[in-house]
C-alpha atoms as a PDB file:
ATOM      1  CA  UNK A   1       6.816 -15.185 -34.406  1.00  0.00           C
ATOM      2  CA  UNK A   2       5.354 -15.941 -30.990  1.00  0.00           C
ATOM      3  CA  UNK A   3       2.959 -13.662 -29.176  1.00  0.00           C
ATOM      4  CA  UNK A   4       3.671 -12.705 -25.532  1.00  0.00           C
ATOM      5  CA  UNK A   5       2.340 -15.308 -23.132  1.00  0.00           C
ATOM      6  CA  UNK A   6       3.334 -13.914 -19.726  1.00  0.00           C
ATOM      7  CA  UNK A   7       5.925 -16.560 -18.936  1.00  0.00           C
ATOM      8  CA  UNK A   8       9.071 -14.607 -19.722  1.00  0.00           C
ATOM      9  CA  UNK A   9       9.278 -12.379 -16.671  1.00  0.00           C
ATOM     10  CA  UNK A  10      12.357 -11.627 -14.608  1.00  0.00           C
ATOM     11  CA  UNK A  11      10.649 -11.151 -11.263  1.00  0.00           C
ATOM     12  CA  UNK A  12       7.385 -12.274  -9.689  1.00  0.00           C
ATOM     13  CA  UNK A  13       5.955 -10.675  -6.568  1.00  0.00           C
ATOM     14  CA  UNK A  14       2.914 -11.597  -4.503  1.00  0.00           C
ATOM     15  CA  UNK A  15       0.328  -9.604  -2.592  1.00  0.00           C
ATOM     16  CA  UNK A  16      -2.081 -10.663   0.140  1.00  0.00           C
ATOM     17  CA  UNK A  17      -5.313  -8.789  -0.425  1.00  0.00           C
ATOM     18  CA  UNK A  18      -8.879  -8.727   0.960  1.00  0.00           C
ATOM     19  CA  UNK A  19     -10.972 -11.327  -0.824  1.00  0.00           C
ATOM     20  CA  UNK A  20     -13.226  -8.912  -2.722  1.00  0.00           C
ATOM     21  CA  UNK A  21     -10.694  -6.154  -3.374  1.00  0.00           C
ATOM     22  CA  UNK A  22      -9.118  -5.814  -6.830  1.00  0.00           C
ATOM     23  CA  UNK A  23      -7.376  -2.526  -6.014  1.00  0.00           C
ATOM     24  CA  UNK A  24      -3.986  -3.666  -4.690  1.00  0.00           C
ATOM     25  CA  UNK A  25      -3.131  -6.051  -7.534  1.00  0.00           C
ATOM     26  CA  UNK A  26      -4.559  -3.650 -10.148  1.00  0.00           C
ATOM     27  CA  UNK A  27      -2.403  -0.741  -9.022  1.00  0.00           C
ATOM     28  CA  UNK A  28       0.686  -2.861  -8.411  1.00  0.00           C
ATOM     29  CA  UNK A  29       0.506  -4.378 -11.890  1.00  0.00           C
ATOM     30  CA  UNK A  30      -0.178  -0.980 -13.488  1.00  0.00           C
ATOM     31  CA  UNK A  31       3.025   0.388 -11.937  1.00  0.00           C
ATOM     32  CA  UNK A  32       5.156  -2.735 -12.296  1.00  0.00           C
ATOM     33  CA  UNK A  33       8.215  -2.297 -14.533  1.00  0.00           C
ATOM     34  CA  UNK A  34       8.656  -4.481 -17.594  1.00  0.00           C
ATOM     35  CA  UNK A  35       9.513  -7.996 -16.539  1.00  0.00           C
ATOM     36  CA  UNK A  36       7.765  -7.801 -13.157  1.00  0.00           C
ATOM     37  CA  UNK A  37       4.547  -9.761 -12.650  1.00  0.00           C
ATOM     38  CA  UNK A  38       2.114  -9.497  -9.726  1.00  0.00           C
ATOM     39  CA  UNK A  39       0.247 -12.467  -8.245  1.00  0.00           C
ATOM     40  CA  UNK A  40      -2.437 -12.178  -5.564  1.00  0.00           C
ATOM     41  CA  UNK A  41      -3.795 -14.438  -2.843  1.00  0.00           C
ATOM     42  CA  UNK A  42      -7.115 -13.577  -1.224  1.00  0.00           C
ATOM     43  CA  UNK A  43      -7.757 -13.385   2.492  1.00  0.00           C
ATOM     44  CA  UNK A  44     -11.270 -13.231   3.997  1.00  0.00           C
ATOM     45  CA  UNK A  45     -12.232  -9.735   5.135  1.00  0.00           C
ATOM     46  CA  UNK A  46     -15.385  -9.575   7.194  1.00  0.00           C
ATOM     47  CA  UNK A  47     -16.286  -6.013   6.198  1.00  0.00           C
ATOM     48  CA  UNK A  48     -16.413  -6.803   2.475  1.00  0.00           C
ATOM     49  CA  UNK A  49     -19.285  -8.557   0.711  1.00  0.00           C
ATOM     50  CA  UNK A  50     -19.590 -10.110  -2.747  1.00  0.00           C
ATOM     51  CA  UNK A  51     -18.605  -7.765  -5.542  1.00  0.00           C
ATOM     52  CA  UNK A  52     -16.320  -5.843  -3.224  1.00  0.00           C
ATOM     53  CA  UNK A  53     -19.226  -4.036  -1.567  1.00  0.00           C
ATOM     54  CA  UNK A  54     -18.612  -2.377   1.804  1.00  0.00           C
ATOM     55  CA  UNK A  55     -20.529  -0.217   4.233  1.00  0.00           C
ATOM     56  CA  UNK A  56     -19.795   3.538   4.071  1.00  0.00           C
ATOM     57  CA  UNK A  57     -17.421   3.085   7.025  1.00  0.00           C
ATOM     58  CA  UNK A  58     -15.578  -0.086   7.947  1.00  0.00           C
ATOM     59  CA  UNK A  59     -15.594  -1.280  11.580  1.00  0.00           C
ATOM     60  CA  UNK A  60     -12.339  -1.992  13.379  1.00  0.00           C
ATOM     61  CA  UNK A  61     -13.045  -5.602  14.399  1.00  0.00           C
ATOM     62  CA  UNK A  62     -12.823  -7.155  10.895  1.00  0.00           C
ATOM     63  CA  UNK A  63      -9.780  -4.981  10.141  1.00  0.00           C
ATOM     64  CA  UNK A  64      -7.939  -6.500  13.080  1.00  0.00           C
ATOM     65  CA  UNK A  65      -9.258  -9.988  12.306  1.00  0.00           C
ATOM     66  CA  UNK A  66      -7.829  -9.806   8.782  1.00  0.00           C
ATOM     67  CA  UNK A  67      -4.279 -10.328  10.060  1.00  0.00           C
ATOM     68  CA  UNK A  68      -5.092 -12.962  12.674  1.00  0.00           C
ATOM     69  CA  UNK A  69      -4.434 -16.675  12.077  1.00  0.00           C
ATOM     70  CA  UNK A  70      -5.304 -18.875  10.362  1.00  0.00           C
ATOM     71  CA  UNK A  71      -6.542 -17.349   7.096  1.00  0.00           C
ATOM     72  CA  UNK A  72      -3.758 -14.907   6.233  1.00  0.00           C
ATOM     73  CA  UNK A  73      -1.115 -17.435   7.335  1.00  0.00           C
ATOM     74  CA  UNK A  74      -2.595 -20.087   5.067  1.00  0.00           C
ATOM     75  CA  UNK A  75      -2.867 -17.641   2.169  1.00  0.00           C
ATOM     76  CA  UNK A  76       0.786 -16.657   2.608  1.00  0.00           C
ATOM     77  CA  UNK A  77       1.885 -20.290   2.619  1.00  0.00           C
ATOM     78  CA  UNK A  78      -0.095 -21.075  -0.524  1.00  0.00           C
ATOM     79  CA  UNK A  79       1.171 -17.963  -2.309  1.00  0.00           C
ATOM     80  CA  UNK A  80       4.741 -18.833  -1.333  1.00  0.00           C
ATOM     81  CA  UNK A  81       4.423 -22.159  -3.163  1.00  0.00           C
ATOM     82  CA  UNK A  82       4.713 -20.139  -6.392  1.00  0.00           C
ATOM     83  CA  UNK A  83       8.160 -18.953  -7.587  1.00  0.00           C
ATOM     84  CA  UNK A  84       7.978 -15.490  -6.019  1.00  0.00           C
ATOM     85  CA  UNK A  85      10.694 -13.100  -4.915  1.00  0.00           C
ATOM     86  CA  UNK A  86       8.732 -11.273  -2.200  1.00  0.00           C
ATOM     87  CA  UNK A  87       5.198 -10.996  -0.817  1.00  0.00           C
ATOM     88  CA  UNK A  88       3.431  -7.826   0.276  1.00  0.00           C
ATOM     89  CA  UNK A  89       0.593  -7.306   2.740  1.00  0.00           C
ATOM     90  CA  UNK A  90      -1.837  -5.104   0.818  1.00  0.00           C
ATOM     91  CA  UNK A  91      -3.833  -3.811   3.772  1.00  0.00           C
ATOM     92  CA  UNK A  92      -2.924  -0.449   5.294  1.00  0.00           C
ATOM     93  CA  UNK A  93      -5.636  -0.375   7.928  1.00  0.00           C
ATOM     94  CA  UNK A  94      -4.454  -3.510   9.746  1.00  0.00           C
ATOM     95  CA  UNK A  95      -1.149  -1.776  10.467  1.00  0.00           C
ATOM     96  CA  UNK A  96      -3.025   1.263  11.739  1.00  0.00           C
ATOM     97  CA  UNK A  97      -5.018  -0.886  14.174  1.00  0.00           C
ATOM     98  CA  UNK A  98      -2.151  -3.170  15.186  1.00  0.00           C
ATOM     99  CA  UNK A  99       0.608  -0.573  15.432  1.00  0.00           C
ATOM    100  CA  UNK A 100       4.241  -0.927  14.347  1.00  0.00           C
ATOM    101  CA  UNK A 101       5.326  -3.534  16.910  1.00  0.00           C
ATOM    102  CA  UNK A 102       2.528  -5.968  16.081  1.00  0.00           C
ATOM    103  CA  UNK A 103       3.099  -5.264  12.393  1.00  0.00           C
ATOM    104  CA  UNK A 104       6.683  -6.509  12.812  1.00  0.00           C
ATOM    105  CA  UNK A 105       5.381  -9.588  14.631  1.00  0.00           C
ATOM    106  CA  UNK A 106       2.962 -10.254  11.767  1.00  0.00           C
ATOM    107  CA  UNK A 107       5.731 -10.031   9.171  1.00  0.00           C
ATOM    108  CA  UNK A 108       7.916 -12.397  11.183  1.00  0.00           C
ATOM    109  CA  UNK A 109       5.034 -14.838  11.664  1.00  0.00           C
ATOM    110  CA  UNK A 110       4.155 -14.899   7.978  1.00  0.00           C
ATOM    111  CA  UNK A 111       7.789 -15.358   6.959  1.00  0.00           C
ATOM    112  CA  UNK A 112       7.771 -18.555   8.959  1.00  0.00           C
ATOM    113  CA  UNK A 113       5.089 -19.769   6.544  1.00  0.00           C
ATOM    114  CA  UNK A 114       6.690 -18.488   3.332  1.00  0.00           C
ATOM    115  CA  UNK A 115       9.842 -20.572   3.496  1.00  0.00           C
ATOM    116  CA  UNK A 116      12.124 -17.562   3.625  1.00  0.00           C
ATOM    117  CA  UNK A 117      10.404 -15.461   0.960  1.00  0.00           C
ATOM    118  CA  UNK A 118      10.536 -11.868   2.301  1.00  0.00           C
ATOM    119  CA  UNK A 119       7.266 -10.339   3.484  1.00  0.00           C
ATOM    120  CA  UNK A 120       6.741  -6.573   3.292  1.00  0.00           C
ATOM    121  CA  UNK A 121       4.064  -4.549   5.100  1.00  0.00           C
ATOM    122  CA  UNK A 122       2.641  -1.466   3.395  1.00  0.00           C
ATOM    123  CA  UNK A 123       3.016   1.003   6.253  1.00  0.00           C
ATOM    124  CA  UNK A 124       6.558  -0.088   7.082  1.00  0.00           C
ATOM    125  CA  UNK A 125       7.449   0.444   3.419  1.00  0.00           C
ATOM    126  CA  UNK A 126       5.875   3.913   3.527  1.00  0.00           C
ATOM    127  CA  UNK A 127       7.921   4.861   6.592  1.00  0.00           C
ATOM    128  CA  UNK A 128      11.084   3.625   4.875  1.00  0.00           C
ATOM    129  CA  UNK A 129      10.135   5.612   1.775  1.00  0.00           C
ATOM    130  CA  UNK A 130       9.674   8.789   3.811  1.00  0.00           C
ATOM    131  CA  UNK A 131      13.090   8.256   5.387  1.00  0.00           C
ATOM    132  CA  UNK A 132      14.749   7.710   2.004  1.00  0.00           C
ATOM    133  CA  UNK A 133      13.141  10.906   0.681  1.00  0.00           C
ATOM    134  CA  UNK A 134      14.183  12.917   3.727  1.00  0.00           C
ATOM    135  CA  UNK A 135      10.550  13.548   4.657  1.00  0.00           C
ATOM    136  CA  UNK A 136       9.718  14.523   8.233  1.00  0.00           C
ATOM    137  CA  UNK A 137       6.265  16.160   8.102  1.00  0.00           C
ATOM    138  CA  UNK A 138       3.421  14.442   6.269  1.00  0.00           C
ATOM    139  CA  UNK A 139      -0.151  15.192   5.353  1.00  0.00           C
ATOM    140  CA  UNK A 140      -2.092  11.947   5.791  1.00  0.00           C
ATOM    141  CA  UNK A 141      -5.035  11.335   3.453  1.00  0.00           C
ATOM    142  CA  UNK A 142      -7.100   8.254   4.231  1.00  0.00           C
ATOM    143  CA  UNK A 143      -9.969   6.642   2.283  1.00  0.00           C
ATOM    144  CA  UNK A 144     -13.477   8.015   2.853  1.00  0.00           C
ATOM    145  CA  UNK A 145     -14.537   4.640   4.297  1.00  0.00           C
ATOM    146  CA  UNK A 146     -12.089   5.031   7.214  1.00  0.00           C
ATOM    147  CA  UNK A 147     -13.872   6.434  10.256  1.00  0.00           C
ATOM    148  CA  UNK A 148     -12.322   9.000  12.579  1.00  0.00           C
ATOM    149  CA  UNK A 149     -11.001   6.356  14.961  1.00  0.00           C
ATOM    150  CA  UNK A 150      -9.182   4.422  12.225  1.00  0.00           C
ATOM    151  CA  UNK A 151      -7.866   7.675  10.796  1.00  0.00           C
ATOM    152  CA  UNK A 152      -6.546   8.683  14.218  1.00  0.00           C
ATOM    153  CA  UNK A 153      -4.863   5.302  14.615  1.00  0.00           C
ATOM    154  CA  UNK A 154      -3.146   5.941  11.280  1.00  0.00           C
ATOM    155  CA  UNK A 155      -1.821   9.271  12.492  1.00  0.00           C
ATOM    156  CA  UNK A 156      -0.563   7.634  15.689  1.00  0.00           C
ATOM    157  CA  UNK A 157       1.153   4.916  13.672  1.00  0.00           C
ATOM    158  CA  UNK A 158       3.256   7.390  11.710  1.00  0.00           C
ATOM    159  CA  UNK A 159       3.919   9.632  14.690  1.00  0.00           C
ATOM    160  CA  UNK A 160       5.273   6.610  16.568  1.00  0.00           C
ATOM    161  CA  UNK A 161       7.772   6.223  13.708  1.00  0.00           C
ATOM    162  CA  UNK A 162       9.230   9.709  14.291  1.00  0.00           C
ATOM    163  CA  UNK A 163       7.168  11.403  11.593  1.00  0.00           C
ATOM    164  CA  UNK A 164       5.132  14.537  12.255  1.00  0.00           C
ATOM    165  CA  UNK A 165       1.579  14.311  10.961  1.00  0.00           C
ATOM    166  CA  UNK A 166       0.629  17.923  10.255  1.00  0.00           C
ATOM    167  CA  UNK A 167      -2.854  17.051   8.973  1.00  0.00           C
ATOM    168  CA  UNK A 168      -4.923  13.895   8.749  1.00  0.00           C
ATOM    169  CA  UNK A 169      -8.450  12.836   7.922  1.00  0.00           C
ATOM    170  CA  UNK A 170     -10.629  10.700   5.678  1.00  0.00           C
ATOM    171  CA  UNK A 171     -10.820  12.053   2.142  1.00  0.00           C
ATOM    172  CA  UNK A 172     -14.057  13.882   1.441  1.00  0.00           C
ATOM    173  CA  UNK A 173     -15.058  11.852  -1.618  1.00  0.00           C
ATOM    174  CA  UNK A 174     -17.840   9.268  -2.092  1.00  0.00           C
ATOM    175  CA  UNK A 175     -17.376   6.314   0.245  1.00  0.00           C
ATOM    176  CA  UNK A 176     -17.309   3.665  -2.458  1.00  0.00           C
ATOM    177  CA  UNK A 177     -14.206   2.163  -4.043  1.00  0.00           C
ATOM    178  CA  UNK A 178     -15.627   2.236  -7.553  1.00  0.00           C
ATOM    179  CA  UNK A 179     -16.784   5.850  -7.198  1.00  0.00           C
ATOM    180  CA  UNK A 180     -13.286   7.268  -6.692  1.00  0.00           C
ATOM    181  CA  UNK A 181     -12.472   9.557  -9.599  1.00  0.00           C
ATOM    182  CA  UNK A 182      -8.786  10.481 -10.107  1.00  0.00           C
ATOM    183  CA  UNK A 183      -9.581  14.073 -11.078  1.00  0.00           C
ATOM    184  CA  UNK A 184     -11.693  14.564  -7.958  1.00  0.00           C
ATOM    185  CA  UNK A 185      -9.017  12.986  -5.759  1.00  0.00           C
ATOM    186  CA  UNK A 186      -6.391  15.252  -7.316  1.00  0.00           C
ATOM    187  CA  UNK A 187      -8.480  18.368  -6.643  1.00  0.00           C
ATOM    188  CA  UNK A 188      -9.274  17.328  -3.065  1.00  0.00           C
ATOM    189  CA  UNK A 189      -5.642  16.618  -2.163  1.00  0.00           C
ATOM    190  CA  UNK A 190      -4.420  19.876  -3.699  1.00  0.00           C
ATOM    191  CA  UNK A 191      -7.017  21.861  -1.767  1.00  0.00           C
ATOM    192  CA  UNK A 192      -6.345  20.138   1.571  1.00  0.00           C
ATOM    193  CA  UNK A 193      -2.531  19.835   1.632  1.00  0.00           C
ATOM    194  CA  UNK A 194      -1.050  22.298   4.158  1.00  0.00           C
ATOM    195  CA  UNK A 195       2.036  24.278   3.260  1.00  0.00           C
ATOM    196  CA  UNK A 196       4.003  22.880   6.189  1.00  0.00           C
ATOM    197  CA  UNK A 197       3.788  19.279   4.924  1.00  0.00           C
ATOM    198  CA  UNK A 198       6.992  17.902   3.374  1.00  0.00           C
ATOM    199  CA  UNK A 199       5.014  15.178   1.620  1.00  0.00           C
ATOM    200  CA  UNK A 200       1.599  13.586   1.261  1.00  0.00           C
ATOM    201  CA  UNK A 201       0.808   9.974   2.103  1.00  0.00           C
ATOM    202  CA  UNK A 202      -2.430   8.555   0.695  1.00  0.00           C
ATOM    203  CA  UNK A 203      -3.341   5.504   2.759  1.00  0.00           C
ATOM    204  CA  UNK A 204      -5.490   2.534   1.824  1.00  0.00           C
ATOM    205  CA  UNK A 205      -4.443  -0.177  -0.636  1.00  0.00           C
ATOM    206  CA  UNK A 206      -7.997  -0.295  -1.958  1.00  0.00           C
ATOM    207  CA  UNK A 207      -8.068   3.488  -2.479  1.00  0.00           C
ATOM    208  CA  UNK A 208      -7.593   4.310  -6.185  1.00  0.00           C
ATOM    209  CA  UNK A 209      -4.723   6.796  -6.155  1.00  0.00           C
ATOM    210  CA  UNK A 210      -1.507   5.863  -7.990  1.00  0.00           C
ATOM    211  CA  UNK A 211      -2.643   7.494 -11.228  1.00  0.00           C
ATOM    212  CA  UNK A 212      -2.509  10.986  -9.692  1.00  0.00           C
ATOM    213  CA  UNK A 213       0.926  10.755  -8.045  1.00  0.00           C
ATOM    214  CA  UNK A 214       2.936  12.511 -10.764  1.00  0.00           C
ATOM    215  CA  UNK A 215       0.335  15.223 -11.321  1.00  0.00           C
ATOM    216  CA  UNK A 216       0.120  15.917  -7.591  1.00  0.00           C
ATOM    217  CA  UNK A 217       3.887  16.127  -7.241  1.00  0.00           C
ATOM    218  CA  UNK A 218       4.065  18.603 -10.098  1.00  0.00           C
ATOM    219  CA  UNK A 219       1.302  20.751  -8.607  1.00  0.00           C
ATOM    220  CA  UNK A 220       2.347  20.558  -4.956  1.00  0.00           C
ATOM    221  CA  UNK A 221       6.110  20.599  -5.487  1.00  0.00           C
ATOM    222  CA  UNK A 222       6.737  17.832  -2.957  1.00  0.00           C
ATOM    223  CA  UNK A 223       6.740  14.025  -2.840  1.00  0.00           C
ATOM    224  CA  UNK A 224       3.503  12.069  -2.849  1.00  0.00           C
ATOM    225  CA  UNK A 225       3.399   8.518  -1.541  1.00  0.00           C
ATOM    226  CA  UNK A 226       0.513   6.083  -1.708  1.00  0.00           C
ATOM    227  CA  UNK A 227      -0.084   2.693  -0.129  1.00  0.00           C
ATOM    228  CA  UNK A 228       0.454   0.564  -3.223  1.00  0.00           C
ATOM    229  CA  UNK A 229       3.272   2.703  -4.596  1.00  0.00           C
ATOM    230  CA  UNK A 230       5.111   2.363  -1.274  1.00  0.00           C
ATOM    231  CA  UNK A 231       4.428  -1.363  -1.180  1.00  0.00           C
ATOM    232  CA  UNK A 232       5.797  -1.932  -4.690  1.00  0.00           C
ATOM    233  CA  UNK A 233       8.881   0.150  -3.857  1.00  0.00           C
ATOM    234  CA  UNK A 234       9.361  -1.953  -0.730  1.00  0.00           C
ATOM    235  CA  UNK A 235       8.951  -5.235  -2.624  1.00  0.00           C
ATOM    236  CA  UNK A 236      11.209  -4.821  -5.637  1.00  0.00           C
ATOM    237  CA  UNK A 237      14.626  -4.956  -4.025  1.00  0.00           C
ATOM    238  CA  UNK A 238      13.871  -7.863  -1.641  1.00  0.00           C
ATOM    239  CA  UNK A 239      12.502  -9.651  -4.702  1.00  0.00           C
ATOM    240  CA  UNK A 240      15.871  -9.226  -6.398  1.00  0.00           C
ATOM    241  CA  UNK A 241      14.787  -6.616  -8.942  1.00  0.00           C
ATOM    242  CA  UNK A 242      16.532  -3.300  -9.583  1.00  0.00           C
ATOM    243  CA  UNK A 243      13.938  -2.314 -12.183  1.00  0.00           C
ATOM    244  CA  UNK A 244      11.860   0.786 -11.524  1.00  0.00           C
ATOM    245  CA  UNK A 245       8.625   2.052 -13.043  1.00  0.00           C
ATOM    246  CA  UNK A 246       8.675   4.967 -15.431  1.00  0.00           C
ATOM    247  CA  UNK A 247       6.897   7.636 -13.424  1.00  0.00           C
ATOM    248  CA  UNK A 248       4.771   7.207 -10.294  1.00  0.00           C
ATOM    249  CA  UNK A 249       6.618   9.718  -8.224  1.00  0.00           C
ATOM    250  CA  UNK A 250       9.868  10.767  -6.617  1.00  0.00           C
ATOM    251  CA  UNK A 251      10.057   7.556  -4.630  1.00  0.00           C
ATOM    252  CA  UNK A 252      10.963   5.543  -7.721  1.00  0.00           C
ATOM    253  CA  UNK A 253      13.436   8.194  -8.856  1.00  0.00           C
ATOM    254  CA  UNK A 254      15.649   7.553  -5.841  1.00  0.00           C
ATOM    255  CA  UNK A 255      18.997   5.842  -6.484  1.00  0.00           C
ATOM    256  CA  UNK A 256      18.866   2.150  -5.649  1.00  0.00           C
ATOM    257  CA  UNK A 257      21.388   2.781  -2.867  1.00  0.00           C
ATOM    258  CA  UNK A 258      18.679   4.711  -1.016  1.00  0.00           C
ATOM    259  CA  UNK A 259      16.405   1.688  -0.996  1.00  0.00           C
ATOM    260  CA  UNK A 260      16.330  -0.261   2.299  1.00  0.00           C
END
């Protein structure tokens, strides 16, 4: 009799996202299993203008500023006022710039503002996903708007977590979020994935990529992880959900016992 109204969900998760970026919540909701709803809070990001516009490359200073108090702390506290099971930080590049130790400090600081609601960082979730999949050697594909320095920081991040980065670099596609075409991304990743890589990680929560995961895995014959896929995987269990998406890669096919 009644039409769906969005209230009858089993699990609600939150994501902290740059103020003009619709990518993280769009991809998270697209992947979310039935009964899981995504809610976003926006954090000022100095490299992003109205309409989500950015320069062809983003400078490091606003990336680092994104995770500094007070804005992200206040956004986390406001988001935590909703009945959520877990909150994710939808911003890969801040972890690249900060490094793993400061990423842990950020998570701990935000959890002091969320009243005990777990906080999950994208890169930490990706590292946990690689471990669960038995991955040791990764090919790192970063957004075209990451410059060489930010890309190198990403490689150093994963290498510091006992992963071998066999190849890394910004993706050679147009440096505009809305210009990313899944078919072009698929072709670029296939062409540039070295044989010695156990898996591919596509960084950048604002980098349109989850739609090509299954096709890439079928073509490459190895796991493919992305920022938002890893973040959702890292959020579901702390949020109290054992549901998994249908598709979106080997990561979600793992038994729940393999989830951290």
